Amino acid sequence: MSTKAFTVRFEDARVQTALAALSKTLKRPMNKLVVEAVRAYLDQFGRKAEHDLEARLADLRSYRKRDPDFEGAIKAFAKAEVDTEDPIDGQPISDPGPLRAEIRKLLNG
């Protein structure tokens, strides 16, 4: 396995001082201590993130079973569209901007 160096900047000098003291006490390089700390952090929070993602995926699959054609979502969107006041509804856009102008040009051939 190849290694890749990178710089770690501590916002608080006391953290680096504490790391140096711990390194000296344990007679282990600071780099090894940092690598171990990062591995432990990734292990702890990586599992949590994986669990959260799996839970969200299960929720999405459950929703898809309840509303396979997204009819409920479409109805909710349509209702929100009707119920929400649009401050520029029906008003012409005087300056469509370059992106809208390009889209109109593409759509109109």
C-alpha atoms as a PDB file:
ATOM      1  CA  MET A   1       0.000   0.000   0.000  1.00  0.00           C
ATOM      2  CA  SER A   2       1.399   3.373  -0.977  1.00  0.00           C
ATOM      3  CA  THR A   3       1.364   6.259   1.429  1.00  0.00           C
ATOM      4  CA  LYS A   4       0.540   9.840   0.666  1.00  0.00           C
ATOM      5  CA  ALA A   5       1.686  12.769   2.748  1.00  0.00           C
ATOM      6  CA  PHE A   6      -0.524  15.713   3.611  1.00  0.00           C
ATOM      7  CA  THR A   7      -0.369  18.647   5.959  1.00  0.00           C
ATOM      8  CA  VAL A   8      -2.426  18.912   9.128  1.00  0.00           C
ATOM      9  CA  ARG A   9      -2.968  22.379  10.525  1.00  0.00           C
ATOM     10  CA  PHE A  10      -4.127  22.667  14.111  1.00  0.00           C
ATOM     11  CA  GLU A  11      -6.254  25.723  14.819  1.00  0.00           C
ATOM     12  CA  ASP A  12      -5.163  25.618  18.439  1.00  0.00           C
ATOM     13  CA  ALA A  13      -1.430  25.328  19.201  1.00  0.00           C
ATOM     14  CA  ARG A  14      -2.301  23.501  22.426  1.00  0.00           C
ATOM     15  CA  VAL A  15      -3.497  20.501  20.384  1.00  0.00           C
ATOM     16  CA  GLN A  16      -0.119  20.177  18.691  1.00  0.00           C
ATOM     17  CA  THR A  17       1.641  20.633  22.025  1.00  0.00           C
ATOM     18  CA  ALA A  18      -0.512  17.927  23.606  1.00  0.00           C
ATOM     19  CA  LEU A  19       0.102  15.627  20.647  1.00  0.00           C
ATOM     20  CA  ALA A  20       3.853  16.161  20.922  1.00  0.00           C
ATOM     21  CA  ALA A  21       3.744  15.446  24.655  1.00  0.00           C
ATOM     22  CA  LEU A  22       1.698  12.290  24.126  1.00  0.00           C
ATOM     23  CA  SER A  23       4.083  11.181  21.393  1.00  0.00           C
ATOM     24  CA  LYS A  24       7.031  11.631  23.727  1.00  0.00           C
ATOM     25  CA  THR A  25       5.284   9.875  26.631  1.00  0.00           C
ATOM     26  CA  LEU A  26       4.195   6.890  24.527  1.00  0.00           C
ATOM     27  CA  LYS A  27       7.453   6.898  22.556  1.00  0.00           C
ATOM     28  CA  ARG A  28       5.488   6.773  19.312  1.00  0.00           C
ATOM     29  CA  PRO A  29       5.686   9.144  16.344  1.00  0.00           C
ATOM     30  CA  MET A  30       3.067  11.883  16.152  1.00  0.00           C
ATOM     31  CA  ASN A  31       2.211  10.709  12.637  1.00  0.00           C
ATOM     32  CA  LYS A  32       1.234   7.257  13.929  1.00  0.00           C
ATOM     33  CA  LEU A  33      -0.920   8.788  16.652  1.00  0.00           C
ATOM     34  CA  VAL A  34      -2.698  11.010  14.122  1.00  0.00           C
ATOM     35  CA  VAL A  35      -3.240   8.087  11.719  1.00  0.00           C
ATOM     36  CA  GLU A  36      -4.702   5.971  14.541  1.00  0.00           C
ATOM     37  CA  ALA A  37      -6.968   8.829  15.616  1.00  0.00           C
ATOM     38  CA  VAL A  38      -8.221   9.363  12.062  1.00  0.00           C
ATOM     39  CA  ARG A  39      -8.840   5.625  11.613  1.00  0.00           C
ATOM     40  CA  ALA A  40     -10.802   5.495  14.879  1.00  0.00           C
ATOM     41  CA  TYR A  41     -12.828   8.550  13.854  1.00  0.00           C
ATOM     42  CA  LEU A  42     -13.616   7.104  10.419  1.00  0.00           C
ATOM     43  CA  ASP A  43     -14.533   3.755  11.927  1.00  0.00           C
ATOM     44  CA  GLN A  44     -16.893   5.341  14.447  1.00  0.00           C
ATOM     45  CA  PHE A  45     -18.563   7.905  12.196  1.00  0.00           C
ATOM     46  CA  GLY A  46     -18.307   5.858   9.001  1.00  0.00           C
ATOM     47  CA  ARG A  47     -20.516   3.176  10.534  1.00  0.00           C
ATOM     48  CA  LYS A  48     -22.994   5.805  11.682  1.00  0.00           C
ATOM     49  CA  ALA A  49     -23.093   7.394   8.223  1.00  0.00           C
ATOM     50  CA  GLU A  50     -23.566   3.977   6.626  1.00  0.00           C
ATOM     51  CA  HIS A  51     -26.413   3.193   9.047  1.00  0.00           C
ATOM     52  CA  ASP A  52     -28.067   6.570   8.305  1.00  0.00           C
ATOM     53  CA  LEU A  53     -27.818   6.005   4.547  1.00  0.00           C
ATOM     54  CA  GLU A  54     -29.271   2.508   4.842  1.00  0.00           C
ATOM     55  CA  ALA A  55     -32.160   3.879   6.913  1.00  0.00           C
ATOM     56  CA  ARG A  56     -32.877   6.574   4.313  1.00  0.00           C
ATOM     57  CA  LEU A  57     -32.749   3.996   1.528  1.00  0.00           C
ATOM     58  CA  ALA A  58     -35.217   1.806   3.449  1.00  0.00           C
ATOM     59  CA  ASP A  59     -37.513   4.835   3.869  1.00  0.00           C
ATOM     60  CA  LEU A  60     -37.348   5.558   0.141  1.00  0.00           C
ATOM     61  CA  ARG A  61     -38.080   1.941  -0.753  1.00  0.00           C
ATOM     62  CA  SER A  62     -41.016   1.937   1.668  1.00  0.00           C
ATOM     63  CA  TYR A  63     -42.368   5.157   0.139  1.00  0.00           C
ATOM     64  CA  ARG A  64     -41.982   3.738  -3.361  1.00  0.00           C
ATOM     65  CA  LYS A  65     -44.053   0.707  -2.324  1.00  0.00           C
ATOM     66  CA  ARG A  66     -46.788   2.954  -0.910  1.00  0.00           C
ATOM     67  CA  ASP A  67     -46.795   5.319  -3.916  1.00  0.00           C
ATOM     68  CA  PRO A  68     -45.105   3.542  -6.863  1.00  0.00           C
ATOM     69  CA  ASP A  69     -46.131   6.100  -9.479  1.00  0.00           C
ATOM     70  CA  PHE A  70     -45.536   9.062  -7.153  1.00  0.00           C
ATOM     71  CA  GLU A  71     -49.192  10.042  -7.475  1.00  0.00           C
ATOM     72  CA  GLY A  72     -49.271  11.329  -3.895  1.00  0.00           C
ATOM     73  CA  ALA A  73     -46.143  13.393  -4.485  1.00  0.00           C
ATOM     74  CA  ILE A  74     -47.552  14.801  -7.724  1.00  0.00           C
ATOM     75  CA  LYS A  75     -50.827  15.741  -5.974  1.00  0.00           C
ATOM     76  CA  ALA A  76     -48.884  17.400  -3.132  1.00  0.00           C
ATOM     77  CA  PHE A  77     -46.805  19.337  -5.654  1.00  0.00           C
ATOM     78  CA  ALA A  78     -49.878  20.438  -7.605  1.00  0.00           C
ATOM     79  CA  LYS A  79     -51.632  21.525  -4.384  1.00  0.00           C
ATOM     80  CA  ALA A  80     -48.585  23.519  -3.294  1.00  0.00           C
ATOM     81  CA  GLU A  81     -48.440  25.119  -6.731  1.00  0.00           C
ATOM     82  CA  VAL A  82     -52.088  26.226  -6.410  1.00  0.00           C
ATOM     83  CA  ASP A  83     -51.865  27.275  -2.754  1.00  0.00           C
ATOM     84  CA  THR A  84     -48.617  29.252  -3.020  1.00  0.00           C
ATOM     85  CA  GLU A  85     -48.702  32.871  -4.107  1.00  0.00           C
ATOM     86  CA  ASP A  86     -46.255  33.555  -6.941  1.00  0.00           C
ATOM     87  CA  PRO A  87     -45.251  37.240  -6.858  1.00  0.00           C
ATOM     88  CA  ILE A  88     -44.368  37.336 -10.571  1.00  0.00           C
ATOM     89  CA  ASP A  89     -47.125  35.072 -11.877  1.00  0.00           C
ATOM     90  CA  GLY A  90     -48.388  36.377 -15.207  1.00  0.00           C
ATOM     91  CA  GLN A  91     -45.807  39.168 -15.453  1.00  0.00           C
ATOM     92  CA  PRO A  92     -43.569  39.215 -18.508  1.00  0.00           C
ATOM     93  CA  ILE A  93     -39.861  38.894 -17.927  1.00  0.00           C
ATOM     94  CA  SER A  94     -38.236  41.905 -19.523  1.00  0.00           C
ATOM     95  CA  ASP A  95     -34.646  40.649 -19.332  1.00  0.00           C
ATOM     96  CA  PRO A  96     -34.532  36.886 -19.741  1.00  0.00           C
ATOM     97  CA  GLY A  97     -30.775  36.765 -19.224  1.00  0.00           C
ATOM     98  CA  PRO A  98     -28.268  34.864 -21.336  1.00  0.00           C
ATOM     99  CA  LEU A  99     -29.197  31.396 -20.097  1.00  0.00           C
ATOM    100  CA  ARG A 100     -32.920  31.788 -20.762  1.00  0.00           C
ATOM    101  CA  ALA A 101     -32.194  33.397 -24.125  1.00  0.00           C
ATOM    102  CA  GLU A 102     -29.993  30.435 -25.080  1.00  0.00           C
ATOM    103  CA  ILE A 103     -32.636  27.928 -23.937  1.00  0.00           C
ATOM    104  CA  ARG A 104     -35.322  29.729 -25.953  1.00  0.00           C
ATOM    105  CA  LYS A 105     -33.049  29.739 -28.995  1.00  0.00           C
ATOM    106  CA  LEU A 106     -32.451  25.983 -28.631  1.00  0.00           C
ATOM    107  CA  LEU A 107     -36.145  25.230 -28.123  1.00  0.00           C
ATOM    108  CA  ASN A 108     -37.308  27.367 -31.045  1.00  0.00           C
ATOM    109  CA  GLY A 109     -34.768  25.852 -33.444  1.00  0.00           C
END
